[in-house]
Amino acid sequence: MNPWPFVAAAYAVTLLATAGLLIWAASSMRRAERSADTLKRTGE
């Protein structure tokens, strides 16, 4: 049995999960920075 389709699928899943995690982290960071900026402006 040829293992390469499984290996390719595993790499594809890993890459997609990593990309999803990066997108989620970046959007979460932007939301937190926006919230911090709002708090700084209202605190002055």
C-alpha atoms as a PDB file:
ATOM      1  CA  MET A   1       0.000   0.000   0.000  1.00  0.00           C
ATOM      2  CA  ASN A   2       1.311   3.447  -0.958  1.00  0.00           C
ATOM      3  CA  PRO A   3       1.612   5.773   2.078  1.00  0.00           C
ATOM      4  CA  TRP A   4       2.078   9.007   0.111  1.00  0.00           C
ATOM      5  CA  PRO A   5      -1.601  10.015  -0.123  1.00  0.00           C
ATOM      6  CA  PHE A   6      -1.819   9.824   3.668  1.00  0.00           C
ATOM      7  CA  VAL A   7       1.409  11.810   4.068  1.00  0.00           C
ATOM      8  CA  ALA A   8       0.192  14.484   1.657  1.00  0.00           C
ATOM      9  CA  ALA A   9      -3.169  14.695   3.423  1.00  0.00           C
ATOM     10  CA  ALA A  10      -1.472  14.983   6.811  1.00  0.00           C
ATOM     11  CA  TYR A  11       0.720  17.836   5.561  1.00  0.00           C
ATOM     12  CA  ALA A  12      -2.304  19.561   4.020  1.00  0.00           C
ATOM     13  CA  VAL A  13      -4.266  19.330   7.273  1.00  0.00           C
ATOM     14  CA  THR A  14      -1.283  20.628   9.238  1.00  0.00           C
ATOM     15  CA  LEU A  15      -0.750  23.571   6.896  1.00  0.00           C
ATOM     16  CA  LEU A  16      -4.442  24.495   6.904  1.00  0.00           C
ATOM     17  CA  ALA A  17      -4.636  24.264  10.689  1.00  0.00           C
ATOM     18  CA  THR A  18      -1.510  26.408  11.059  1.00  0.00           C
ATOM     19  CA  ALA A  19      -2.873  29.011   8.651  1.00  0.00           C
ATOM     20  CA  GLY A  20      -6.184  29.063  10.521  1.00  0.00           C
ATOM     21  CA  LEU A  21      -4.410  29.508  13.834  1.00  0.00           C
ATOM     22  CA  LEU A  22      -2.324  32.381  12.452  1.00  0.00           C
ATOM     23  CA  ILE A  23      -5.403  34.135  11.077  1.00  0.00           C
ATOM     24  CA  TRP A  24      -7.250  33.666  14.373  1.00  0.00           C
ATOM     25  CA  ALA A  25      -4.279  34.965  16.410  1.00  0.00           C
ATOM     26  CA  ALA A  26      -3.777  37.994  14.154  1.00  0.00           C
ATOM     27  CA  SER A  27      -7.447  38.978  14.309  1.00  0.00           C
ATOM     28  CA  SER A  28      -7.494  38.501  18.072  1.00  0.00           C
ATOM     29  CA  MET A  29      -4.373  40.661  18.442  1.00  0.00           C
ATOM     30  CA  ARG A  30      -5.843  43.411  16.264  1.00  0.00           C
ATOM     31  CA  ARG A  31      -9.052  43.359  18.308  1.00  0.00           C
ATOM     32  CA  ALA A  32      -7.073  43.588  21.571  1.00  0.00           C
ATOM     33  CA  GLU A  33      -4.919  46.440  20.238  1.00  0.00           C
ATOM     34  CA  ARG A  34      -8.013  48.324  19.123  1.00  0.00           C
ATOM     35  CA  SER A  35      -9.532  47.853  22.587  1.00  0.00           C
ATOM     36  CA  ALA A  36      -6.314  49.062  24.258  1.00  0.00           C
ATOM     37  CA  ASP A  37      -6.213  52.137  22.019  1.00  0.00           C
ATOM     38  CA  THR A  38      -9.817  52.924  22.913  1.00  0.00           C
ATOM     39  CA  LEU A  39      -9.023  52.629  26.615  1.00  0.00           C
ATOM     40  CA  LYS A  40      -5.987  54.914  26.202  1.00  0.00           C
ATOM     41  CA  ARG A  41      -8.058  57.564  24.396  1.00  0.00           C
ATOM     42  CA  THR A  42     -10.875  57.532  26.932  1.00  0.00           C
ATOM     43  CA  GLY A  43      -8.433  57.548  29.854  1.00  0.00           C
ATOM     44  CA  GLU A  44      -6.741  60.791  28.853  1.00  0.00           C
END
